[in-house]
Amino acid sequence: MKRFLLLLMLIFGLTGSASANSFYSWQPTPNDMWDLNHAYYFTWGIDLPGGFTSADNIASVTLSFDNIRNWRVESNTLYVHLLDNVAAGGSYGVDFGTGGDHFVNDYVGDQISLFTWYDLGIVGEDREYTFSQEQILTLASYWADGNFGIGFDPDCHYDNDGITLTIETYMPVPEPATMLLFGFGLLGIAGVTRKRINA
């Protein structure tokens, strides 16, 4: 009985050590996306590193902005989208800040809206957006070819000190019932082996 308990402790100990989460982070170039100037829309394409595939289990995805602020006292809007098939790196196009969401009105390609922020203040603040489960599933489908992107359309005068996308993945831990069955199986093998040795 003592050996069986020690065996189970060893099994659960090994599975616990295999469940460490991994974090992957990216920043665009430049990391402030040209301060999200209101006269333009911006795309940030991300190529996944080797070995990082849609088979990875995603625990969470966050998009964070360091010290983002609206440097003029006026109404402002920031539209942010998840994009498929975007050339790696940062790029921009002119939309003259005329209002409206470029990625809804004029963008050609697969995309979904992540979020829209309205009326950010003139005092800088760190802001973070966490993807919903549905958005994570779309992200996984977009990166099937090893690439995806983020689109930004600012309709105002923004400053920021950096943008970061972070993906947290985890290794699933087997359920306790599965581990018990595995433990009983090992115990049975050990018993059969012991009988053969003693015979």
N, C-alpha and C. Protein backbone atom coordinates (compact mmCIF):
# COMPACT_ATOMS: atom_id res chain seq x y z
N MET A 1 0.83 -1.20 0.00
CA MET A 1 0.00 0.00 0.00
C MET A 1 0.87 1.26 0.00
N LYS A 2 1.94 1.22 0.80
CA LYS A 2 2.83 2.38 0.86
C LYS A 2 3.46 2.64 -0.50
N ARG A 3 3.85 1.54 -1.16
CA ARG A 3 4.45 1.70 -2.49
C ARG A 3 3.46 2.31 -3.47
N PHE A 4 2.18 1.89 -3.36
CA PHE A 4 1.15 2.43 -4.26
C PHE A 4 0.98 3.93 -4.04
N LEU A 5 0.94 4.35 -2.78
CA LEU A 5 0.78 5.78 -2.47
C LEU A 5 1.99 6.57 -2.97
N LEU A 6 3.18 6.02 -2.79
CA LEU A 6 4.38 6.69 -3.29
C LEU A 6 4.35 6.81 -4.80
N LEU A 7 3.86 5.75 -5.47
CA LEU A 7 3.75 5.76 -6.92
C LEU A 7 2.79 6.84 -7.39
N LEU A 8 1.62 6.96 -6.73
CA LEU A 8 0.66 8.00 -7.10
C LEU A 8 1.23 9.40 -6.87
N MET A 9 1.95 9.58 -5.75
CA MET A 9 2.57 10.89 -5.48
C MET A 9 3.56 11.24 -6.57
N LEU A 10 4.32 10.25 -7.02
CA LEU A 10 5.29 10.47 -8.08
C LEU A 10 4.58 10.85 -9.38
N ILE A 11 3.48 10.14 -9.70
CA ILE A 11 2.74 10.43 -10.93
C ILE A 11 2.21 11.85 -10.91
N PHE A 12 1.53 12.24 -9.81
CA PHE A 12 0.95 13.58 -9.74
C PHE A 12 2.04 14.64 -9.71
N GLY A 13 3.16 14.32 -9.09
CA GLY A 13 4.29 15.27 -9.07
C GLY A 13 4.83 15.52 -10.46
N LEU A 14 4.94 14.46 -11.26
CA LEU A 14 5.45 14.61 -12.61
C LEU A 14 4.50 15.40 -13.48
N THR A 15 3.18 15.16 -13.35
CA THR A 15 2.23 15.91 -14.18
C THR A 15 2.19 17.36 -13.78
N GLY A 16 2.34 17.64 -12.49
CA GLY A 16 2.34 19.04 -12.06
C GLY A 16 3.51 19.80 -12.64
N SER A 17 4.67 19.17 -12.74
CA SER A 17 5.85 19.86 -13.27
C SER A 17 5.74 20.11 -14.77
N ALA A 18 4.81 19.39 -15.46
CA ALA A 18 4.68 19.55 -16.91
C ALA A 18 3.66 20.61 -17.29
N SER A 19 3.06 21.28 -16.30
CA SER A 19 1.96 22.19 -16.59
C SER A 19 2.38 23.66 -16.58
N ALA A 20 3.67 23.94 -16.68
CA ALA A 20 4.13 25.33 -16.65
C ALA A 20 3.65 26.08 -17.88
N ASN A 21 3.21 27.33 -17.67
CA ASN A 21 2.74 28.15 -18.78
C ASN A 21 3.91 28.83 -19.48
N SER A 22 3.73 29.12 -20.76
CA SER A 22 4.74 29.82 -21.55
C SER A 22 4.16 31.13 -22.04
N PHE A 23 4.98 32.17 -22.10
CA PHE A 23 4.55 33.49 -22.55
C PHE A 23 5.33 33.88 -23.79
N TYR A 24 4.61 34.38 -24.80
CA TYR A 24 5.21 34.90 -26.02
C TYR A 24 4.77 36.35 -26.16
N SER A 25 5.73 37.26 -26.39
CA SER A 25 5.39 38.68 -26.51
C SER A 25 6.01 39.27 -27.76
N TRP A 26 5.28 40.20 -28.36
CA TRP A 26 5.76 40.91 -29.54
C TRP A 26 5.49 42.40 -29.36
N GLN A 27 6.36 43.22 -29.97
CA GLN A 27 6.13 44.66 -30.08
C GLN A 27 6.35 45.06 -31.52
N PRO A 28 5.57 46.03 -32.01
CA PRO A 28 5.76 46.47 -33.40
C PRO A 28 7.00 47.33 -33.54
N THR A 29 7.38 47.62 -34.77
CA THR A 29 8.47 48.55 -35.05
C THR A 29 7.92 49.66 -35.94
N PRO A 30 7.93 50.92 -35.45
CA PRO A 30 8.31 51.34 -34.10
C PRO A 30 7.30 50.86 -33.06
N ASN A 31 7.77 50.76 -31.82
CA ASN A 31 6.91 50.12 -30.82
C ASN A 31 5.70 50.97 -30.42
N ASP A 32 5.67 52.25 -30.80
CA ASP A 32 4.49 53.07 -30.52
C ASP A 32 3.59 53.24 -31.75
N MET A 33 3.89 52.51 -32.83
CA MET A 33 3.13 52.60 -34.09
C MET A 33 2.94 54.07 -34.50
N TRP A 34 4.07 54.77 -34.56
CA TRP A 34 4.08 56.17 -34.98
C TRP A 34 3.12 57.01 -34.14
N ASP A 35 3.01 56.67 -32.86
CA ASP A 35 2.14 57.39 -31.92
C ASP A 35 0.67 57.38 -32.34
N LEU A 36 0.31 56.47 -33.22
CA LEU A 36 -1.09 56.34 -33.68
C LEU A 36 -1.64 57.69 -34.16
N ASN A 37 -0.90 58.30 -35.06
CA ASN A 37 -1.30 59.58 -35.63
C ASN A 37 -2.67 59.49 -36.29
N HIS A 38 -3.52 60.46 -36.03
CA HIS A 38 -4.93 60.38 -36.45
C HIS A 38 -5.13 60.47 -37.96
N ALA A 39 -4.13 60.88 -38.71
CA ALA A 39 -4.30 61.01 -40.16
C ALA A 39 -4.10 59.68 -40.90
N TYR A 40 -3.81 58.62 -40.17
CA TYR A 40 -3.47 57.34 -40.79
C TYR A 40 -4.23 56.20 -40.13
N TYR A 41 -4.23 55.06 -40.81
CA TYR A 41 -4.58 53.79 -40.18
C TYR A 41 -3.32 52.94 -40.21
N PHE A 42 -3.23 51.97 -39.33
CA PHE A 42 -1.98 51.22 -39.15
C PHE A 42 -2.24 49.72 -39.13
N THR A 43 -1.29 48.97 -39.69
CA THR A 43 -1.34 47.51 -39.59
C THR A 43 -0.01 47.01 -39.03
N TRP A 44 -0.12 45.98 -38.21
CA TRP A 44 1.06 45.36 -37.59
C TRP A 44 0.97 43.87 -37.85
N GLY A 45 1.83 43.38 -38.75
CA GLY A 45 1.86 41.97 -39.07
C GLY A 45 2.83 41.22 -38.19
N ILE A 46 2.43 40.03 -37.73
CA ILE A 46 3.24 39.23 -36.82
C ILE A 46 3.45 37.84 -37.41
N ASP A 47 4.72 37.46 -37.60
CA ASP A 47 5.06 36.09 -38.01
C ASP A 47 5.36 35.27 -36.77
N LEU A 48 4.76 34.11 -36.66
CA LEU A 48 4.98 33.26 -35.49
C LEU A 48 6.34 32.58 -35.57
N PRO A 49 7.01 32.38 -34.43
CA PRO A 49 8.29 31.67 -34.44
C PRO A 49 8.10 30.20 -34.77
N GLY A 50 9.16 29.55 -35.21
CA GLY A 50 9.09 28.12 -35.50
C GLY A 50 8.67 27.33 -34.29
N GLY A 51 7.85 26.32 -34.50
CA GLY A 51 7.40 25.47 -33.40
C GLY A 51 6.17 25.99 -32.69
N PHE A 52 5.75 27.23 -33.02
CA PHE A 52 4.55 27.80 -32.39
C PHE A 52 3.42 27.63 -33.37
N THR A 53 2.48 26.73 -33.07
CA THR A 53 1.44 26.39 -34.03
C THR A 53 0.06 26.53 -33.41
N SER A 54 -0.95 26.34 -34.23
CA SER A 54 -2.32 26.42 -33.73
C SER A 54 -2.64 25.31 -32.75
N ALA A 55 -1.75 24.32 -32.65
CA ALA A 55 -1.98 23.24 -31.69
C ALA A 55 -1.66 23.67 -30.26
N ASP A 56 -0.95 24.77 -30.11
CA ASP A 56 -0.67 25.27 -28.76
C ASP A 56 -1.99 25.61 -28.07
N ASN A 57 -2.04 25.35 -26.78
CA ASN A 57 -3.23 25.65 -25.99
C ASN A 57 -3.12 27.08 -25.46
N ILE A 58 -4.06 27.94 -25.84
CA ILE A 58 -3.98 29.34 -25.48
C ILE A 58 -4.71 29.57 -24.16
N ALA A 59 -4.00 30.08 -23.17
CA ALA A 59 -4.62 30.42 -21.90
C ALA A 59 -5.20 31.82 -21.94
N SER A 60 -4.46 32.77 -22.56
CA SER A 60 -4.95 34.15 -22.65
C SER A 60 -4.16 34.90 -23.71
N VAL A 61 -4.78 35.97 -24.22
CA VAL A 61 -4.13 36.88 -25.17
C VAL A 61 -4.46 38.29 -24.71
N THR A 62 -3.43 39.14 -24.57
CA THR A 62 -3.65 40.52 -24.15
C THR A 62 -2.91 41.47 -25.09
N LEU A 63 -3.53 42.61 -25.32
CA LEU A 63 -2.92 43.70 -26.08
C LEU A 63 -2.83 44.88 -25.13
N SER A 64 -1.61 45.34 -24.85
CA SER A 64 -1.42 46.40 -23.85
C SER A 64 -0.79 47.63 -24.47
N PHE A 65 -1.18 48.77 -23.94
CA PHE A 65 -0.69 50.08 -24.37
C PHE A 65 -0.04 50.76 -23.18
N ASP A 66 1.19 51.22 -23.36
CA ASP A 66 1.93 51.87 -22.29
C ASP A 66 1.74 53.38 -22.40
N ASN A 67 1.13 53.96 -21.36
CA ASN A 67 1.00 55.42 -21.25
C ASN A 67 0.28 56.05 -22.46
N ILE A 68 -0.84 55.44 -22.86
CA ILE A 68 -1.58 56.00 -23.99
C ILE A 68 -2.41 57.20 -23.51
N ARG A 69 -2.51 58.22 -24.37
CA ARG A 69 -3.21 59.44 -24.00
C ARG A 69 -3.66 60.19 -25.25
N ASN A 70 -4.67 61.02 -25.10
CA ASN A 70 -5.15 61.90 -26.15
C ASN A 70 -4.59 63.29 -25.87
N TRP A 71 -3.71 63.79 -26.72
CA TRP A 71 -3.02 65.03 -26.36
C TRP A 71 -3.80 66.29 -26.69
N ARG A 72 -5.03 66.15 -27.19
CA ARG A 72 -5.91 67.31 -27.35
C ARG A 72 -7.24 67.04 -26.67
N VAL A 73 -7.81 68.08 -26.07
CA VAL A 73 -9.08 67.90 -25.38
C VAL A 73 -10.20 67.94 -26.41
N GLU A 74 -10.55 66.78 -26.89
CA GLU A 74 -11.62 66.64 -27.87
C GLU A 74 -12.07 65.19 -27.90
N SER A 75 -13.21 64.93 -28.50
CA SER A 75 -13.68 63.55 -28.62
C SER A 75 -12.68 62.74 -29.43
N ASN A 76 -12.54 61.49 -29.08
CA ASN A 76 -11.57 60.64 -29.78
C ASN A 76 -12.04 59.20 -29.76
N THR A 77 -11.59 58.46 -30.77
CA THR A 77 -11.96 57.05 -30.90
C THR A 77 -10.76 56.26 -31.40
N LEU A 78 -10.56 55.07 -30.85
CA LEU A 78 -9.52 54.17 -31.33
C LEU A 78 -10.16 52.83 -31.67
N TYR A 79 -10.14 52.49 -32.97
CA TYR A 79 -10.67 51.20 -33.44
C TYR A 79 -9.50 50.22 -33.56
N VAL A 80 -9.69 49.01 -33.03
CA VAL A 80 -8.63 48.00 -33.09
C VAL A 80 -9.23 46.69 -33.61
N HIS A 81 -8.53 46.08 -34.59
CA HIS A 81 -9.03 44.88 -35.26
C HIS A 81 -7.97 43.79 -35.29
N LEU A 82 -8.43 42.55 -35.37
CA LEU A 82 -7.58 41.39 -35.62
C LEU A 82 -7.65 41.09 -37.11
N LEU A 83 -6.47 40.95 -37.75
CA LEU A 83 -6.40 40.80 -39.20
C LEU A 83 -5.75 39.47 -39.59
N ASP A 84 -6.12 38.98 -40.75
CA ASP A 84 -5.49 37.78 -41.31
C ASP A 84 -4.57 38.20 -42.45
N ASN A 85 -3.46 37.47 -42.62
CA ASN A 85 -2.54 37.67 -43.76
C ASN A 85 -2.07 39.11 -43.91
N VAL A 86 -1.22 39.54 -42.98
CA VAL A 86 -0.65 40.89 -43.00
C VAL A 86 0.86 40.79 -43.09
N ALA A 87 1.47 41.54 -43.99
CA ALA A 87 2.93 41.52 -44.11
C ALA A 87 3.56 41.85 -42.77
N ALA A 88 4.61 41.11 -42.40
CA ALA A 88 5.25 41.29 -41.11
C ALA A 88 5.78 42.71 -40.95
N GLY A 89 5.66 43.22 -39.72
CA GLY A 89 6.15 44.56 -39.41
C GLY A 89 5.02 45.58 -39.40
N GLY A 90 5.40 46.84 -39.16
CA GLY A 90 4.42 47.91 -39.10
C GLY A 90 4.30 48.64 -40.42
N SER A 91 3.09 49.07 -40.75
CA SER A 91 2.88 49.88 -41.95
C SER A 91 1.68 50.78 -41.71
N TYR A 92 1.50 51.77 -42.59
CA TYR A 92 0.37 52.68 -42.42
C TYR A 92 -0.11 53.17 -43.77
N GLY A 93 -1.35 53.65 -43.77
CA GLY A 93 -1.95 54.25 -44.95
C GLY A 93 -2.70 55.50 -44.54
N VAL A 94 -2.93 56.38 -45.48
CA VAL A 94 -3.57 57.66 -45.18
C VAL A 94 -5.09 57.52 -45.17
N ASP A 95 -5.72 58.02 -44.11
CA ASP A 95 -7.19 58.14 -44.14
C ASP A 95 -7.64 59.52 -43.67
N PHE A 96 -6.68 60.41 -43.42
CA PHE A 96 -6.93 61.82 -43.10
C PHE A 96 -7.79 62.02 -41.85
N GLY A 97 -7.91 60.98 -41.03
CA GLY A 97 -8.65 61.13 -39.78
C GLY A 97 -10.07 61.61 -39.98
N THR A 98 -10.69 61.17 -41.06
CA THR A 98 -12.01 61.70 -41.42
C THR A 98 -13.15 61.11 -40.59
N GLY A 99 -12.85 60.19 -39.73
CA GLY A 99 -13.90 59.58 -38.92
C GLY A 99 -14.35 58.26 -39.52
N GLY A 100 -14.84 57.41 -38.67
CA GLY A 100 -15.25 56.09 -39.13
C GLY A 100 -14.11 55.10 -39.05
N ASP A 101 -14.45 53.85 -39.14
CA ASP A 101 -13.50 52.76 -38.96
C ASP A 101 -13.01 52.27 -40.32
N HIS A 102 -11.75 52.54 -40.62
CA HIS A 102 -11.17 52.14 -41.91
C HIS A 102 -11.34 50.64 -42.16
N PHE A 103 -11.16 49.83 -41.11
CA PHE A 103 -11.16 48.37 -41.29
C PHE A 103 -12.56 47.82 -41.54
N VAL A 104 -13.59 48.57 -41.19
CA VAL A 104 -14.96 48.19 -41.52
C VAL A 104 -15.34 48.75 -42.89
N ASN A 105 -14.92 49.99 -43.16
CA ASN A 105 -15.37 50.69 -44.37
C ASN A 105 -14.57 50.35 -45.63
N ASP A 106 -13.23 50.18 -45.50
CA ASP A 106 -12.39 50.11 -46.70
C ASP A 106 -11.41 48.94 -46.74
N TYR A 107 -11.22 48.23 -45.65
CA TYR A 107 -10.20 47.19 -45.62
C TYR A 107 -10.63 45.98 -46.45
N VAL A 108 -9.70 45.46 -47.23
CA VAL A 108 -9.95 44.25 -48.02
C VAL A 108 -9.18 43.10 -47.37
N GLY A 109 -9.89 42.12 -46.89
CA GLY A 109 -9.26 40.98 -46.23
C GLY A 109 -10.07 40.55 -45.03
N ASP A 110 -9.72 39.38 -44.50
CA ASP A 110 -10.44 38.86 -43.33
C ASP A 110 -10.03 39.63 -42.09
N GLN A 111 -11.03 40.00 -41.30
CA GLN A 111 -10.76 40.74 -40.07
C GLN A 111 -11.97 40.67 -39.16
N ILE A 112 -11.73 40.87 -37.87
CA ILE A 112 -12.81 41.04 -36.90
C ILE A 112 -12.45 42.21 -36.00
N SER A 113 -13.46 42.86 -35.45
CA SER A 113 -13.22 43.94 -34.49
C SER A 113 -12.84 43.34 -33.15
N LEU A 114 -11.76 43.85 -32.56
CA LEU A 114 -11.38 43.45 -31.21
C LEU A 114 -12.07 44.34 -30.18
N PHE A 115 -11.89 45.66 -30.32
CA PHE A 115 -12.52 46.59 -29.39
C PHE A 115 -12.44 48.00 -29.96
N THR A 116 -13.22 48.90 -29.37
CA THR A 116 -13.19 50.32 -29.69
C THR A 116 -13.15 51.10 -28.38
N TRP A 117 -12.18 52.00 -28.26
CA TRP A 117 -12.12 52.86 -27.08
C TRP A 117 -12.55 54.26 -27.47
N TYR A 118 -13.31 54.89 -26.59
CA TYR A 118 -13.80 56.25 -26.82
C TYR A 118 -13.28 57.18 -25.74
N ASP A 119 -12.94 58.40 -26.16
CA ASP A 119 -12.64 59.50 -25.24
C ASP A 119 -11.59 59.16 -24.18
N LEU A 120 -10.41 58.73 -24.64
CA LEU A 120 -9.29 58.59 -23.71
C LEU A 120 -8.89 59.97 -23.21
N GLY A 121 -8.42 60.05 -21.99
CA GLY A 121 -8.07 61.34 -21.39
C GLY A 121 -6.71 61.86 -21.82
N ILE A 122 -6.42 63.09 -21.42
CA ILE A 122 -5.13 63.70 -21.76
C ILE A 122 -4.02 63.25 -20.81
N VAL A 123 -4.40 62.63 -19.70
CA VAL A 123 -3.41 62.07 -18.77
C VAL A 123 -3.12 60.64 -19.21
N GLY A 124 -1.85 60.33 -19.44
CA GLY A 124 -1.47 59.00 -19.90
C GLY A 124 -1.85 57.91 -18.91
N GLU A 125 -2.20 56.75 -19.43
CA GLU A 125 -2.50 55.60 -18.59
C GLU A 125 -2.11 54.31 -19.31
N ASP A 126 -1.77 53.30 -18.54
CA ASP A 126 -1.51 51.98 -19.10
C ASP A 126 -2.85 51.28 -19.25
N ARG A 127 -3.11 50.78 -20.46
CA ARG A 127 -4.38 50.09 -20.73
C ARG A 127 -4.09 48.72 -21.31
N GLU A 128 -4.96 47.76 -20.99
CA GLU A 128 -4.79 46.40 -21.48
C GLU A 128 -6.14 45.85 -21.91
N TYR A 129 -6.14 45.18 -23.05
CA TYR A 129 -7.35 44.52 -23.52
C TYR A 129 -7.10 43.02 -23.55
N THR A 130 -8.02 42.23 -22.99
CA THR A 130 -7.92 40.77 -22.98
C THR A 130 -8.91 40.20 -24.00
N PHE A 131 -8.40 39.36 -24.90
CA PHE A 131 -9.23 38.76 -25.94
C PHE A 131 -10.31 37.87 -25.32
N SER A 132 -11.50 37.88 -25.94
CA SER A 132 -12.55 36.94 -25.55
C SER A 132 -12.20 35.55 -26.11
N GLN A 133 -12.91 34.53 -25.63
CA GLN A 133 -12.67 33.18 -26.11
C GLN A 133 -12.95 33.07 -27.61
N GLU A 134 -13.98 33.74 -28.07
CA GLU A 134 -14.31 33.72 -29.50
C GLU A 134 -13.21 34.39 -30.33
N GLN A 135 -12.66 35.48 -29.82
CA GLN A 135 -11.56 36.15 -30.52
C GLN A 135 -10.29 35.30 -30.53
N ILE A 136 -10.06 34.55 -29.46
CA ILE A 136 -8.91 33.63 -29.42
C ILE A 136 -9.06 32.54 -30.48
N LEU A 137 -10.26 32.01 -30.64
CA LEU A 137 -10.50 30.98 -31.66
C LEU A 137 -10.26 31.54 -33.06
N THR A 138 -10.68 32.79 -33.29
CA THR A 138 -10.42 33.42 -34.59
C THR A 138 -8.93 33.62 -34.79
N LEU A 139 -8.23 34.06 -33.75
CA LEU A 139 -6.78 34.22 -33.82
C LEU A 139 -6.10 32.92 -34.22
N ALA A 140 -6.52 31.81 -33.59
CA ALA A 140 -5.92 30.51 -33.90
C ALA A 140 -6.16 30.13 -35.36
N SER A 141 -7.33 30.47 -35.90
CA SER A 141 -7.59 30.15 -37.31
C SER A 141 -6.78 31.06 -38.24
N TYR A 142 -6.60 32.31 -37.86
CA TYR A 142 -5.82 33.24 -38.68
C TYR A 142 -4.35 32.83 -38.75
N TRP A 143 -3.80 32.33 -37.64
CA TRP A 143 -2.36 32.04 -37.65
C TRP A 143 -2.04 30.65 -38.18
N ALA A 144 -3.02 29.97 -38.75
CA ALA A 144 -2.78 28.63 -39.30
C ALA A 144 -1.67 28.64 -40.34
N ASP A 145 -1.50 29.77 -41.04
CA ASP A 145 -0.41 29.89 -42.02
C ASP A 145 0.83 30.54 -41.43
N GLY A 146 0.86 30.72 -40.10
CA GLY A 146 2.04 31.27 -39.44
C GLY A 146 2.09 32.78 -39.35
N ASN A 147 0.98 33.45 -39.68
CA ASN A 147 0.98 34.91 -39.69
C ASN A 147 -0.41 35.45 -39.33
N PHE A 148 -0.44 36.58 -38.63
CA PHE A 148 -1.68 37.30 -38.38
C PHE A 148 -1.30 38.77 -38.14
N GLY A 149 -2.28 39.61 -37.88
CA GLY A 149 -1.97 41.03 -37.68
C GLY A 149 -2.97 41.74 -36.81
N ILE A 150 -2.60 42.95 -36.40
CA ILE A 150 -3.46 43.84 -35.64
C ILE A 150 -3.61 45.12 -36.44
N GLY A 151 -4.83 45.65 -36.53
CA GLY A 151 -5.08 46.90 -37.23
C GLY A 151 -5.56 47.97 -36.26
N PHE A 152 -5.04 49.19 -36.42
CA PHE A 152 -5.41 50.32 -35.57
C PHE A 152 -5.90 51.47 -36.46
N ASP A 153 -7.03 52.04 -36.10
CA ASP A 153 -7.49 53.26 -36.77
C ASP A 153 -7.84 54.30 -35.71
N PRO A 154 -6.91 55.25 -35.46
CA PRO A 154 -7.17 56.29 -34.47
C PRO A 154 -7.86 57.48 -35.12
N ASP A 155 -8.95 57.94 -34.55
CA ASP A 155 -9.63 59.14 -35.02
C ASP A 155 -9.43 60.25 -34.00
N CYS A 156 -8.19 60.55 -33.72
CA CYS A 156 -7.85 61.66 -32.84
C CYS A 156 -6.32 61.73 -32.71
N HIS A 157 -5.85 62.58 -31.81
CA HIS A 157 -4.42 62.81 -31.61
C HIS A 157 -3.95 62.02 -30.39
N TYR A 158 -3.27 60.91 -30.63
CA TYR A 158 -2.82 60.06 -29.54
C TYR A 158 -1.30 60.09 -29.41
N ASP A 159 -0.84 59.82 -28.21
CA ASP A 159 0.55 59.49 -27.93
C ASP A 159 0.54 58.19 -27.15
N ASN A 160 1.63 57.42 -27.25
CA ASN A 160 1.80 56.25 -26.39
C ASN A 160 3.28 55.91 -26.33
N ASP A 161 3.65 55.10 -25.36
CA ASP A 161 5.06 54.73 -25.17
C ASP A 161 5.35 53.29 -25.51
N GLY A 162 4.43 52.63 -26.21
CA GLY A 162 4.70 51.26 -26.63
C GLY A 162 3.47 50.38 -26.57
N ILE A 163 3.41 49.44 -27.52
CA ILE A 163 2.29 48.50 -27.62
C ILE A 163 2.88 47.09 -27.57
N THR A 164 2.23 46.19 -26.83
CA THR A 164 2.73 44.83 -26.67
C THR A 164 1.58 43.84 -26.79
N LEU A 165 1.79 42.79 -27.58
CA LEU A 165 0.85 41.68 -27.64
C LEU A 165 1.48 40.49 -26.91
N THR A 166 0.75 39.90 -25.98
CA THR A 166 1.25 38.77 -25.21
C THR A 166 0.29 37.60 -25.31
N ILE A 167 0.82 36.44 -25.67
CA ILE A 167 0.04 35.20 -25.73
C ILE A 167 0.58 34.24 -24.68
N GLU A 168 -0.30 33.77 -23.83
CA GLU A 168 0.06 32.80 -22.80
C GLU A 168 -0.49 31.44 -23.21
N THR A 169 0.38 30.45 -23.27
CA THR A 169 -0.06 29.09 -23.58
C THR A 169 0.20 28.18 -22.37
N TYR A 170 -0.53 27.08 -22.32
CA TYR A 170 -0.37 26.15 -21.20
C TYR A 170 -0.37 24.72 -21.71
N MET A 171 0.22 23.85 -20.91
CA MET A 171 0.19 22.42 -21.20
C MET A 171 -0.91 21.81 -20.34
N PRO A 172 -1.88 21.14 -20.93
CA PRO A 172 -2.99 20.60 -20.13
C PRO A 172 -2.52 19.52 -19.16
N VAL A 173 -3.13 19.51 -17.98
CA VAL A 173 -2.82 18.49 -16.96
C VAL A 173 -3.90 17.42 -17.03
N PRO A 174 -3.52 16.13 -17.07
CA PRO A 174 -4.54 15.07 -17.10
C PRO A 174 -5.47 15.14 -15.89
N GLU A 175 -6.72 14.72 -16.07
CA GLU A 175 -7.69 14.73 -14.98
C GLU A 175 -7.28 13.69 -13.93
N PRO A 176 -7.64 13.93 -12.65
CA PRO A 176 -7.28 12.98 -11.59
C PRO A 176 -7.75 11.56 -11.86
N ALA A 177 -8.96 11.40 -12.42
CA ALA A 177 -9.46 10.04 -12.69
C ALA A 177 -8.57 9.33 -13.70
N THR A 178 -8.09 10.06 -14.70
CA THR A 178 -7.19 9.47 -15.69
C THR A 178 -5.89 9.04 -15.03
N MET A 179 -5.41 9.88 -14.12
CA MET A 179 -4.15 9.56 -13.45
C MET A 179 -4.30 8.35 -12.52
N LEU A 180 -5.49 8.22 -11.89
CA LEU A 180 -5.72 7.04 -11.04
C LEU A 180 -5.70 5.76 -11.86
N LEU A 181 -6.35 5.79 -13.02
CA LEU A 181 -6.34 4.62 -13.89
C LEU A 181 -4.92 4.29 -14.32
N PHE A 182 -4.17 5.33 -14.65
CA PHE A 182 -2.78 5.13 -15.04
C PHE A 182 -1.98 4.51 -13.88
N GLY A 183 -2.26 5.01 -12.65
CA GLY A 183 -1.56 4.48 -11.47
C GLY A 183 -1.89 3.02 -11.23
N PHE A 184 -3.18 2.66 -11.37
CA PHE A 184 -3.57 1.26 -11.20
C PHE A 184 -2.91 0.37 -12.26
N GLY A 185 -2.81 0.89 -13.47
CA GLY A 185 -2.16 0.14 -14.54
C GLY A 185 -0.70 -0.13 -14.21
N LEU A 186 -0.01 0.90 -13.72
CA LEU A 186 1.39 0.72 -13.33
C LEU A 186 1.53 -0.27 -12.18
N LEU A 187 0.60 -0.17 -11.23
CA LEU A 187 0.63 -1.10 -10.09
C LEU A 187 0.43 -2.54 -10.56
N GLY A 188 -0.49 -2.72 -11.52
CA GLY A 188 -0.72 -4.06 -12.07
C GLY A 188 0.51 -4.61 -12.77
N ILE A 189 1.17 -3.76 -13.55
CA ILE A 189 2.40 -4.19 -14.23
C ILE A 189 3.47 -4.56 -13.22
N ALA A 190 3.58 -3.72 -12.16
CA ALA A 190 4.58 -4.01 -11.13
C ALA A 190 4.28 -5.34 -10.45
N GLY A 191 2.97 -5.65 -10.19
CA GLY A 191 2.59 -6.91 -9.55
C GLY A 191 2.91 -8.11 -10.42
N VAL A 192 2.61 -8.02 -11.72
CA VAL A 192 2.89 -9.11 -12.65
C VAL A 192 4.40 -9.36 -12.72
N THR A 193 5.17 -8.28 -12.82
CA THR A 193 6.62 -8.40 -12.89
C THR A 193 7.16 -9.05 -11.63
N ARG A 194 6.61 -8.66 -10.46
CA ARG A 194 7.09 -9.21 -9.19
C ARG A 194 6.79 -10.71 -9.12
N LYS A 195 5.60 -11.15 -9.61
CA LYS A 195 5.25 -12.57 -9.57
C LYS A 195 6.21 -13.37 -10.45
N ARG A 196 6.55 -12.79 -11.61
CA ARG A 196 7.47 -13.51 -12.51
C ARG A 196 8.85 -13.67 -11.88
N ILE A 197 9.29 -12.63 -11.20
CA ILE A 197 10.61 -12.69 -10.56
C ILE A 197 10.61 -13.73 -9.45
N ASN A 198 9.53 -13.78 -8.66
CA ASN A 198 9.44 -14.71 -7.50
C ASN A 198 9.18 -16.15 -7.95
N ALA A 199 8.68 -16.32 -9.19
CA ALA A 199 8.33 -17.68 -9.65
C ALA A 199 9.56 -18.50 -9.97
